[in-house]
mmCIF file of all heavy atoms, coordinates in Angstrom:
data_MODEL
# 
_entry.id   MODEL 
# 
loop_
_atom_site.group_PDB 
_atom_site.id 
_atom_site.type_symbol 
_atom_site.label_atom_id 
_atom_site.label_alt_id 
_atom_site.label_comp_id 
_atom_site.label_asym_id 
_atom_site.label_entity_id 
_atom_site.label_seq_id 
_atom_site.pdbx_PDB_ins_code 
_atom_site.Cartn_x 
_atom_site.Cartn_y 
_atom_site.Cartn_z 
_atom_site.occupancy 
_atom_site.B_iso_or_equiv 
_atom_site.pdbx_formal_charge 
_atom_site.auth_seq_id 
_atom_site.auth_comp_id 
_atom_site.auth_asym_id 
_atom_site.auth_atom_id 
_atom_site.pdbx_PDB_model_num 
ATOM 1   N N   . THR A 1 1  ? -3.059  -9.400  -0.011  1.00 0.00 ? 1  THR A N   1 
ATOM 2   C CA  . THR A 1 1  ? -2.587  -10.618 0.646   1.00 0.00 ? 1  THR A CA  1 
ATOM 3   C C   . THR A 1 1  ? -1.102  -10.518 0.970   1.00 0.00 ? 1  THR A C   1 
ATOM 4   O O   . THR A 1 1  ? -0.665  -10.887 2.062   1.00 0.00 ? 1  THR A O   1 
ATOM 5   C CB  . THR A 1 1  ? -2.837  -11.853 -0.241  1.00 0.00 ? 1  THR A CB  1 
ATOM 6   O OG1 . THR A 1 1  ? -4.251  -11.968 -0.479  1.00 0.00 ? 1  THR A OG1 1 
ATOM 7   C CG2 . THR A 1 1  ? -2.346  -13.123 0.444   1.00 0.00 ? 1  THR A CG2 1 
ATOM 8   N N   . ILE A 1 2  ? -0.305  -10.019 0.022   1.00 0.00 ? 2  ILE A N   1 
ATOM 9   C CA  . ILE A 1 2  ? 1.120   -9.825  0.290   1.00 0.00 ? 2  ILE A CA  1 
ATOM 10  C C   . ILE A 1 2  ? 1.308   -8.893  1.474   1.00 0.00 ? 2  ILE A C   1 
ATOM 11  O O   . ILE A 1 2  ? 2.075   -9.174  2.396   1.00 0.00 ? 2  ILE A O   1 
ATOM 12  C CB  . ILE A 1 2  ? 1.839   -9.259  -0.953  1.00 0.00 ? 2  ILE A CB  1 
ATOM 13  C CG1 . ILE A 1 2  ? 1.877   -10.315 -2.058  1.00 0.00 ? 2  ILE A CG1 1 
ATOM 14  C CG2 . ILE A 1 2  ? 3.261   -8.817  -0.611  1.00 0.00 ? 2  ILE A CG2 1 
ATOM 15  C CD1 . ILE A 1 2  ? 2.425   -9.797  -3.370  1.00 0.00 ? 2  ILE A CD1 1 
ATOM 16  N N   . GLN A 1 3  ? 0.572   -7.786  1.493   1.00 0.00 ? 3  GLN A N   1 
ATOM 17  C CA  . GLN A 1 3  ? 0.728   -6.796  2.561   1.00 0.00 ? 3  GLN A CA  1 
ATOM 18  C C   . GLN A 1 3  ? 0.351   -7.382  3.909   1.00 0.00 ? 3  GLN A C   1 
ATOM 19  O O   . GLN A 1 3  ? 1.074   -7.244  4.893   1.00 0.00 ? 3  GLN A O   1 
ATOM 20  C CB  . GLN A 1 3  ? -0.137  -5.553  2.249   1.00 0.00 ? 3  GLN A CB  1 
ATOM 21  C CG  . GLN A 1 3  ? 0.068   -4.396  3.199   1.00 0.00 ? 3  GLN A CG  1 
ATOM 22  C CD  . GLN A 1 3  ? -0.911  -4.445  4.359   1.00 0.00 ? 3  GLN A CD  1 
ATOM 23  O OE1 . GLN A 1 3  ? -1.944  -5.104  4.287   1.00 0.00 ? 3  GLN A OE1 1 
ATOM 24  N NE2 . GLN A 1 3  ? -0.572  -3.782  5.429   1.00 0.00 ? 3  GLN A NE2 1 
ATOM 25  N N   . ARG A 1 4  ? -0.775  -8.060  3.979   1.00 0.00 ? 4  ARG A N   1 
ATOM 26  C CA  . ARG A 1 4  ? -1.224  -8.593  5.257   1.00 0.00 ? 4  ARG A CA  1 
ATOM 27  C C   . ARG A 1 4  ? -0.387  -9.781  5.701   1.00 0.00 ? 4  ARG A C   1 
ATOM 28  O O   . ARG A 1 4  ? -0.175  -9.999  6.889   1.00 0.00 ? 4  ARG A O   1 
ATOM 29  C CB  . ARG A 1 4  ? -2.706  -9.001  5.165   1.00 0.00 ? 4  ARG A CB  1 
ATOM 30  C CG  . ARG A 1 4  ? -3.641  -7.804  5.044   1.00 0.00 ? 4  ARG A CG  1 
ATOM 31  C CD  . ARG A 1 4  ? -5.096  -8.249  5.057   1.00 0.00 ? 4  ARG A CD  1 
ATOM 32  N NE  . ARG A 1 4  ? -5.982  -7.096  5.044   1.00 0.00 ? 4  ARG A NE  1 
ATOM 33  C CZ  . ARG A 1 4  ? -6.346  -6.428  6.128   1.00 0.00 ? 4  ARG A CZ  1 
ATOM 34  N NH1 . ARG A 1 4  ? -5.887  -6.794  7.300   1.00 0.00 ? 4  ARG A NH1 1 
ATOM 35  N NH2 . ARG A 1 4  ? -7.157  -5.394  6.034   1.00 0.00 ? 4  ARG A NH2 1 
ATOM 36  N N   . THR A 1 5  ? 0.059   -10.559 4.728   1.00 0.00 ? 5  THR A N   1 
ATOM 37  C CA  . THR A 1 5  ? 0.798   -11.765 5.083   1.00 0.00 ? 5  THR A CA  1 
ATOM 38  C C   . THR A 1 5  ? 2.175   -11.461 5.646   1.00 0.00 ? 5  THR A C   1 
ATOM 39  O O   . THR A 1 5  ? 2.602   -12.046 6.627   1.00 0.00 ? 5  THR A O   1 
ATOM 40  C CB  . THR A 1 5  ? 0.948   -12.661 3.843   1.00 0.00 ? 5  THR A CB  1 
ATOM 41  O OG1 . THR A 1 5  ? -0.367  -12.967 3.348   1.00 0.00 ? 5  THR A OG1 1 
ATOM 42  C CG2 . THR A 1 5  ? 1.659   -13.951 4.177   1.00 0.00 ? 5  THR A CG2 1 
ATOM 43  N N   . TRP A 1 6  ? 2.881   -10.558 5.044   1.00 0.00 ? 6  TRP A N   1 
ATOM 44  C CA  . TRP A 1 6  ? 4.255   -10.309 5.468   1.00 0.00 ? 6  TRP A CA  1 
ATOM 45  C C   . TRP A 1 6  ? 4.463   -8.957  6.140   1.00 0.00 ? 6  TRP A C   1 
ATOM 46  O O   . TRP A 1 6  ? 5.576   -8.646  6.562   1.00 0.00 ? 6  TRP A O   1 
ATOM 47  C CB  . TRP A 1 6  ? 5.194   -10.470 4.281   1.00 0.00 ? 6  TRP A CB  1 
ATOM 48  C CG  . TRP A 1 6  ? 5.251   -11.895 3.846   1.00 0.00 ? 6  TRP A CG  1 
ATOM 49  C CD1 . TRP A 1 6  ? 6.022   -12.884 4.365   1.00 0.00 ? 6  TRP A CD1 1 
ATOM 50  C CD2 . TRP A 1 6  ? 4.489   -12.512 2.807   1.00 0.00 ? 6  TRP A CD2 1 
ATOM 51  N NE1 . TRP A 1 6  ? 5.777   -14.056 3.720   1.00 0.00 ? 6  TRP A NE1 1 
ATOM 52  C CE2 . TRP A 1 6  ? 4.846   -13.874 2.760   1.00 0.00 ? 6  TRP A CE2 1 
ATOM 53  C CE3 . TRP A 1 6  ? 3.520   -12.047 1.906   1.00 0.00 ? 6  TRP A CE3 1 
ATOM 54  C CZ2 . TRP A 1 6  ? 4.296   -14.775 1.859   1.00 0.00 ? 6  TRP A CZ2 1 
ATOM 55  C CZ3 . TRP A 1 6  ? 2.961   -12.944 1.006   1.00 0.00 ? 6  TRP A CZ3 1 
ATOM 56  C CH2 . TRP A 1 6  ? 3.352   -14.291 0.991   1.00 0.00 ? 6  TRP A CH2 1 
ATOM 57  N N   . SER A 1 7  ? 3.401   -8.163  6.254   1.00 0.00 ? 7  SER A N   1 
ATOM 58  C CA  . SER A 1 7  ? 3.464   -6.872  6.930   1.00 0.00 ? 7  SER A CA  1 
ATOM 59  C C   . SER A 1 7  ? 4.647   -6.038  6.454   1.00 0.00 ? 7  SER A C   1 
ATOM 60  O O   . SER A 1 7  ? 5.476   -5.579  7.242   1.00 0.00 ? 7  SER A O   1 
ATOM 61  C CB  . SER A 1 7  ? 3.555   -7.075  8.455   1.00 0.00 ? 7  SER A CB  1 
ATOM 62  O OG  . SER A 1 7  ? 2.436   -7.761  8.929   1.00 0.00 ? 7  SER A OG  1 
ATOM 63  N N   . VAL A 1 8  ? 4.748   -5.871  5.144   1.00 0.00 ? 8  VAL A N   1 
ATOM 64  C CA  . VAL A 1 8  ? 5.914   -5.186  4.600   1.00 0.00 ? 8  VAL A CA  1 
ATOM 65  C C   . VAL A 1 8  ? 5.636   -3.779  4.114   1.00 0.00 ? 8  VAL A C   1 
ATOM 66  O O   . VAL A 1 8  ? 6.582   -3.038  3.838   1.00 0.00 ? 8  VAL A O   1 
ATOM 67  C CB  . VAL A 1 8  ? 6.519   -6.003  3.440   1.00 0.00 ? 8  VAL A CB  1 
ATOM 68  C CG1 . VAL A 1 8  ? 7.102   -7.305  3.936   1.00 0.00 ? 8  VAL A CG1 1 
ATOM 69  C CG2 . VAL A 1 8  ? 5.486   -6.256  2.339   1.00 0.00 ? 8  VAL A CG2 1 
ATOM 70  N N   . VAL A 1 9  ? 4.366   -3.414  3.981   1.00 0.00 ? 9  VAL A N   1 
ATOM 71  C CA  . VAL A 1 9  ? 4.080   -2.080  3.476   1.00 0.00 ? 9  VAL A CA  1 
ATOM 72  C C   . VAL A 1 9  ? 2.712   -1.646  3.954   1.00 0.00 ? 9  VAL A C   1 
ATOM 73  O O   . VAL A 1 9  ? 1.832   -2.469  4.126   1.00 0.00 ? 9  VAL A O   1 
ATOM 74  C CB  . VAL A 1 9  ? 4.124   -2.051  1.923   1.00 0.00 ? 9  VAL A CB  1 
ATOM 75  C CG1 . VAL A 1 9  ? 3.069   -2.907  1.307   1.00 0.00 ? 9  VAL A CG1 1 
ATOM 76  C CG2 . VAL A 1 9  ? 3.983   -0.612  1.392   1.00 0.00 ? 9  VAL A CG2 1 
ATOM 77  N N   . LYS A 1 10 ? 2.576   -0.346  4.254   1.00 0.00 ? 10 LYS A N   1 
ATOM 78  C CA  . LYS A 1 10 ? 1.290   0.195   4.663   1.00 0.00 ? 10 LYS A CA  1 
ATOM 79  C C   . LYS A 1 10 ? 0.632   0.836   3.447   1.00 0.00 ? 10 LYS A C   1 
ATOM 80  O O   . LYS A 1 10 ? 1.223   1.670   2.784   1.00 0.00 ? 10 LYS A O   1 
ATOM 81  C CB  . LYS A 1 10 ? 1.479   1.237   5.767   1.00 0.00 ? 10 LYS A CB  1 
ATOM 82  C CG  . LYS A 1 10 ? 2.029   0.649   7.059   1.00 0.00 ? 10 LYS A CG  1 
ATOM 83  C CD  . LYS A 1 10 ? 2.202   1.718   8.123   1.00 0.00 ? 10 LYS A CD  1 
ATOM 84  C CE  . LYS A 1 10 ? 2.746   1.114   9.408   1.00 0.00 ? 10 LYS A CE  1 
ATOM 85  N NZ  . LYS A 1 10 ? 2.942   2.140   10.437  1.00 0.00 ? 10 LYS A NZ  1 
ATOM 86  N N   . LEU A 1 11 ? -0.598  0.426   3.204   1.00 0.00 ? 11 LEU A N   1 
ATOM 87  C CA  . LEU A 1 11 ? -1.288  0.886   2.007   1.00 0.00 ? 11 LEU A CA  1 
ATOM 88  C C   . LEU A 1 11 ? -2.491  1.744   2.394   1.00 0.00 ? 11 LEU A C   1 
ATOM 89  O O   . LEU A 1 11 ? -3.234  1.401   3.293   1.00 0.00 ? 11 LEU A O   1 
ATOM 90  C CB  . LEU A 1 11 ? -1.772  -0.316  1.181   1.00 0.00 ? 11 LEU A CB  1 
ATOM 91  C CG  . LEU A 1 11 ? -0.697  -1.315  0.773   1.00 0.00 ? 11 LEU A CG  1 
ATOM 92  C CD1 . LEU A 1 11 ? -1.341  -2.468  0.024   1.00 0.00 ? 11 LEU A CD1 1 
ATOM 93  C CD2 . LEU A 1 11 ? 0.348   -0.642  -0.099  1.00 0.00 ? 11 LEU A CD2 1 
ATOM 94  N N   . SER A 1 12 ? -2.649  2.851   1.700   1.00 0.00 ? 12 SER A N   1 
ATOM 95  C CA  . SER A 1 12 ? -3.851  3.656   1.831   1.00 0.00 ? 12 SER A CA  1 
ATOM 96  C C   . SER A 1 12 ? -4.591  3.539   0.513   1.00 0.00 ? 12 SER A C   1 
ATOM 97  O O   . SER A 1 12 ? -4.099  3.975   -0.523  1.00 0.00 ? 12 SER A O   1 
ATOM 98  C CB  . SER A 1 12 ? -3.489  5.121   2.098   1.00 0.00 ? 12 SER A CB  1 
ATOM 99  O OG  . SER A 1 12 ? -4.643  5.923   2.104   1.00 0.00 ? 12 SER A OG  1 
ATOM 100 N N   . ILE A 1 13 ? -5.769  2.927   0.534   1.00 0.00 ? 13 ILE A N   1 
ATOM 101 C CA  . ILE A 1 13 ? -6.431  2.524   -0.694  1.00 0.00 ? 13 ILE A CA  1 
ATOM 102 C C   . ILE A 1 13 ? -7.566  3.483   -1.036  1.00 0.00 ? 13 ILE A C   1 
ATOM 103 O O   . ILE A 1 13 ? -8.448  3.723   -0.231  1.00 0.00 ? 13 ILE A O   1 
ATOM 104 C CB  . ILE A 1 13 ? -6.975  1.091   -0.562  1.00 0.00 ? 13 ILE A CB  1 
ATOM 105 C CG1 . ILE A 1 13 ? -5.833  0.147   -0.176  1.00 0.00 ? 13 ILE A CG1 1 
ATOM 106 C CG2 . ILE A 1 13 ? -7.660  0.644   -1.836  1.00 0.00 ? 13 ILE A CG2 1 
ATOM 107 C CD1 . ILE A 1 13 ? -6.302  -1.197  0.234   1.00 0.00 ? 13 ILE A CD1 1 
ATOM 108 N N   . ILE A 1 14 ? -7.509  4.036   -2.239  1.00 0.00 ? 14 ILE A N   1 
ATOM 109 C CA  . ILE A 1 14 ? -8.599  4.843   -2.763  1.00 0.00 ? 14 ILE A CA  1 
ATOM 110 C C   . ILE A 1 14 ? -8.894  4.306   -4.161  1.00 0.00 ? 14 ILE A C   1 
ATOM 111 O O   . ILE A 1 14 ? -8.095  4.453   -5.070  1.00 0.00 ? 14 ILE A O   1 
ATOM 112 C CB  . ILE A 1 14 ? -8.220  6.335   -2.833  1.00 0.00 ? 14 ILE A CB  1 
ATOM 113 C CG1 . ILE A 1 14 ? -7.777  6.841   -1.458  1.00 0.00 ? 14 ILE A CG1 1 
ATOM 114 C CG2 . ILE A 1 14 ? -9.383  7.145   -3.378  1.00 0.00 ? 14 ILE A CG2 1 
ATOM 115 C CD1 . ILE A 1 14 ? -7.270  8.272   -1.488  1.00 0.00 ? 14 ILE A CD1 1 
ATOM 116 N N   . ALA A 1 15 ? -10.058 3.666   -4.324  1.00 0.00 ? 15 ALA A N   1 
ATOM 117 C CA  . ALA A 1 15 ? -10.387 2.992   -5.582  1.00 0.00 ? 15 ALA A CA  1 
ATOM 118 C C   . ALA A 1 15 ? -9.266  2.018   -5.910  1.00 0.00 ? 15 ALA A C   1 
ATOM 119 O O   . ALA A 1 15 ? -9.004  1.111   -5.140  1.00 0.00 ? 15 ALA A O   1 
ATOM 120 C CB  . ALA A 1 15 ? -10.607 4.005   -6.694  1.00 0.00 ? 15 ALA A CB  1 
ATOM 121 N N   . ILE A 1 16 ? -8.564  2.175   -7.059  1.00 0.00 ? 16 ILE A N   1 
ATOM 122 C CA  . ILE A 1 16 ? -7.434  1.302   -7.354  1.00 0.00 ? 16 ILE A CA  1 
ATOM 123 C C   . ILE A 1 16 ? -6.126  2.085   -7.254  1.00 0.00 ? 16 ILE A C   1 
ATOM 124 O O   . ILE A 1 16 ? -5.121  1.699   -7.812  1.00 0.00 ? 16 ILE A O   1 
ATOM 125 C CB  . ILE A 1 16 ? -7.569  0.652   -8.739  1.00 0.00 ? 16 ILE A CB  1 
ATOM 126 C CG1 . ILE A 1 16 ? -7.614  1.706   -9.852  1.00 0.00 ? 16 ILE A CG1 1 
ATOM 127 C CG2 . ILE A 1 16 ? -8.766  -0.261  -8.800  1.00 0.00 ? 16 ILE A CG2 1 
ATOM 128 C CD1 . ILE A 1 16 ? -7.491  1.110   -11.245 1.00 0.00 ? 16 ILE A CD1 1 
ATOM 129 N N   . SER A 1 17 ? -6.169  3.195   -6.525  1.00 0.00 ? 17 SER A N   1 
ATOM 130 C CA  . SER A 1 17 ? -4.965  4.005   -6.341  1.00 0.00 ? 17 SER A CA  1 
ATOM 131 C C   . SER A 1 17 ? -4.388  3.746   -4.962  1.00 0.00 ? 17 SER A C   1 
ATOM 132 O O   . SER A 1 17 ? -5.107  3.714   -3.973  1.00 0.00 ? 17 SER A O   1 
ATOM 133 C CB  . SER A 1 17 ? -5.309  5.493   -6.490  1.00 0.00 ? 17 SER A CB  1 
ATOM 134 O OG  . SER A 1 17 ? -4.179  6.284   -6.225  1.00 0.00 ? 17 SER A OG  1 
ATOM 135 N N   . PHE A 1 18 ? -3.070  3.536   -4.889  1.00 0.00 ? 18 PHE A N   1 
ATOM 136 C CA  . PHE A 1 18 ? -2.397  3.303   -3.621  1.00 0.00 ? 18 PHE A CA  1 
ATOM 137 C C   . PHE A 1 18 ? -1.461  4.451   -3.310  1.00 0.00 ? 18 PHE A C   1 
ATOM 138 O O   . PHE A 1 18 ? -0.749  4.954   -4.175  1.00 0.00 ? 18 PHE A O   1 
ATOM 139 C CB  . PHE A 1 18 ? -1.542  2.019   -3.678  1.00 0.00 ? 18 PHE A CB  1 
ATOM 140 C CG  . PHE A 1 18 ? -2.329  0.745   -3.638  1.00 0.00 ? 18 PHE A CG  1 
ATOM 141 C CD1 . PHE A 1 18 ? -1.695  -0.445  -3.956  1.00 0.00 ? 18 PHE A CD1 1 
ATOM 142 C CD2 . PHE A 1 18 ? -3.659  0.719   -3.289  1.00 0.00 ? 18 PHE A CD2 1 
ATOM 143 C CE1 . PHE A 1 18 ? -2.391  -1.644  -3.929  1.00 0.00 ? 18 PHE A CE1 1 
ATOM 144 C CE2 . PHE A 1 18 ? -4.363  -0.462  -3.253  1.00 0.00 ? 18 PHE A CE2 1 
ATOM 145 C CZ  . PHE A 1 18 ? -3.723  -1.647  -3.579  1.00 0.00 ? 18 PHE A CZ  1 
ATOM 146 N N   . SER A 1 19 ? -1.432  4.836   -2.055  1.00 0.00 ? 19 SER A N   1 
ATOM 147 C CA  . SER A 1 19 ? -0.396  5.719   -1.551  1.00 0.00 ? 19 SER A CA  1 
ATOM 148 C C   . SER A 1 19 ? 0.502   4.857   -0.685  1.00 0.00 ? 19 SER A C   1 
ATOM 149 O O   . SER A 1 19 ? 0.076   4.359   0.354   1.00 0.00 ? 19 SER A O   1 
ATOM 150 C CB  . SER A 1 19 ? -0.994  6.864   -0.731  1.00 0.00 ? 19 SER A CB  1 
ATOM 151 O OG  . SER A 1 19 ? 0.031   7.662   -0.182  1.00 0.00 ? 19 SER A OG  1 
ATOM 152 N N   . ILE A 1 20 ? 1.740   4.639   -1.136  1.00 0.00 ? 20 ILE A N   1 
ATOM 153 C CA  . ILE A 1 20 ? 2.631   3.684   -0.496  1.00 0.00 ? 20 ILE A CA  1 
ATOM 154 C C   . ILE A 1 20 ? 3.631   4.413   0.371   1.00 0.00 ? 20 ILE A C   1 
ATOM 155 O O   . ILE A 1 20 ? 4.114   5.493   0.040   1.00 0.00 ? 20 ILE A O   1 
ATOM 156 C CB  . ILE A 1 20 ? 3.363   2.836   -1.560  1.00 0.00 ? 20 ILE A CB  1 
ATOM 157 C CG1 . ILE A 1 20 ? 2.326   2.088   -2.415  1.00 0.00 ? 20 ILE A CG1 1 
ATOM 158 C CG2 . ILE A 1 20 ? 4.330   1.851   -0.936  1.00 0.00 ? 20 ILE A CG2 1 
ATOM 159 C CD1 . ILE A 1 20 ? 2.917   1.320   -3.565  1.00 0.00 ? 20 ILE A CD1 1 
ATOM 160 N N   . THR A 1 21 ? 3.933   3.827   1.522   1.00 0.00 ? 21 THR A N   1 
ATOM 161 C CA  . THR A 1 21 ? 4.909   4.409   2.428   1.00 0.00 ? 21 THR A CA  1 
ATOM 162 C C   . THR A 1 21 ? 6.162   4.817   1.668   1.00 0.00 ? 21 THR A C   1 
ATOM 163 O O   . THR A 1 21 ? 6.719   4.045   0.908   1.00 0.00 ? 21 THR A O   1 
ATOM 164 C CB  . THR A 1 21 ? 5.279   3.398   3.533   1.00 0.00 ? 21 THR A CB  1 
ATOM 165 O OG1 . THR A 1 21 ? 4.096   3.074   4.269   1.00 0.00 ? 21 THR A OG1 1 
ATOM 166 C CG2 . THR A 1 21 ? 6.309   3.970   4.476   1.00 0.00 ? 21 THR A CG2 1 
ATOM 167 N N   . GLY A 1 22 ? 6.605   6.047   1.872   1.00 0.00 ? 22 GLY A N   1 
ATOM 168 C CA  . GLY A 1 22 ? 7.764   6.563   1.172   1.00 0.00 ? 22 GLY A CA  1 
ATOM 169 C C   . GLY A 1 22 ? 7.374   7.601   0.135   1.00 0.00 ? 22 GLY A C   1 
ATOM 170 O O   . GLY A 1 22 ? 8.216   8.098   -0.604  1.00 0.00 ? 22 GLY A O   1 
ATOM 171 N N   . GLY A 1 23 ? 6.087   7.940   0.077   1.00 0.00 ? 23 GLY A N   1 
ATOM 172 C CA  . GLY A 1 23 ? 5.640   9.001   -0.809  1.00 0.00 ? 23 GLY A CA  1 
ATOM 173 C C   . GLY A 1 23 ? 5.377   8.584   -2.230  1.00 0.00 ? 23 GLY A C   1 
ATOM 174 O O   . GLY A 1 23 ? 5.229   9.433   -3.113  1.00 0.00 ? 23 GLY A O   1 
ATOM 175 N N   . VAL A 1 24 ? 5.311   7.285   -2.515  1.00 0.00 ? 24 VAL A N   1 
ATOM 176 C CA  . VAL A 1 24 ? 5.031   6.800   -3.862  1.00 0.00 ? 24 VAL A CA  1 
ATOM 177 C C   . VAL A 1 24 ? 3.516   6.680   -4.040  1.00 0.00 ? 24 VAL A C   1 
ATOM 178 O O   . VAL A 1 24 ? 2.854   5.975   -3.288  1.00 0.00 ? 24 VAL A O   1 
ATOM 179 C CB  . VAL A 1 24 ? 5.702   5.440   -4.125  1.00 0.00 ? 24 VAL A CB  1 
ATOM 180 C CG1 . VAL A 1 24 ? 5.349   4.928   -5.519  1.00 0.00 ? 24 VAL A CG1 1 
ATOM 181 C CG2 . VAL A 1 24 ? 7.206   5.549   -3.956  1.00 0.00 ? 24 VAL A CG2 1 
ATOM 182 N N   . ASN A 1 25 ? 2.977   7.373   -5.024  1.00 0.00 ? 25 ASN A N   1 
ATOM 183 C CA  . ASN A 1 25 ? 1.550   7.296   -5.336  1.00 0.00 ? 25 ASN A CA  1 
ATOM 184 C C   . ASN A 1 25 ? 1.383   6.636   -6.696  1.00 0.00 ? 25 ASN A C   1 
ATOM 185 O O   . ASN A 1 25 ? 2.023   7.040   -7.661  1.00 0.00 ? 25 ASN A O   1 
ATOM 186 C CB  . ASN A 1 25 ? 0.929   8.688   -5.353  1.00 0.00 ? 25 ASN A CB  1 
ATOM 187 C CG  . ASN A 1 25 ? 0.984   9.347   -3.997  1.00 0.00 ? 25 ASN A CG  1 
ATOM 188 O OD1 . ASN A 1 25 ? 0.408   8.858   -3.040  1.00 0.00 ? 25 ASN A OD1 1 
ATOM 189 N ND2 . ASN A 1 25 ? 1.698   10.461  -3.910  1.00 0.00 ? 25 ASN A ND2 1 
ATOM 190 N N   . MET A 1 26 ? 0.511   5.640   -6.776  1.00 0.00 ? 26 MET A N   1 
ATOM 191 C CA  . MET A 1 26 ? 0.385   4.866   -8.002  1.00 0.00 ? 26 MET A CA  1 
ATOM 192 C C   . MET A 1 26 ? -1.070  4.575   -8.319  1.00 0.00 ? 26 MET A C   1 
ATOM 193 O O   . MET A 1 26 ? -1.907  4.462   -7.418  1.00 0.00 ? 26 MET A O   1 
ATOM 194 C CB  . MET A 1 26 ? 1.128   3.528   -7.873  1.00 0.00 ? 26 MET A CB  1 
ATOM 195 C CG  . MET A 1 26 ? 2.617   3.639   -7.611  1.00 0.00 ? 26 MET A CG  1 
ATOM 196 S SD  . MET A 1 26 ? 3.407   2.020   -7.580  1.00 0.00 ? 26 MET A SD  1 
ATOM 197 C CE  . MET A 1 26 ? 3.290   1.566   -9.313  1.00 0.00 ? 26 MET A CE  1 
# 
């Protein structure tokens, strides 16, 4: 919801793992 609402980060979703713009994997 935060991502879609404010368009602040691009998320690539695999299960509960995110690859966040800037090379951060969590």
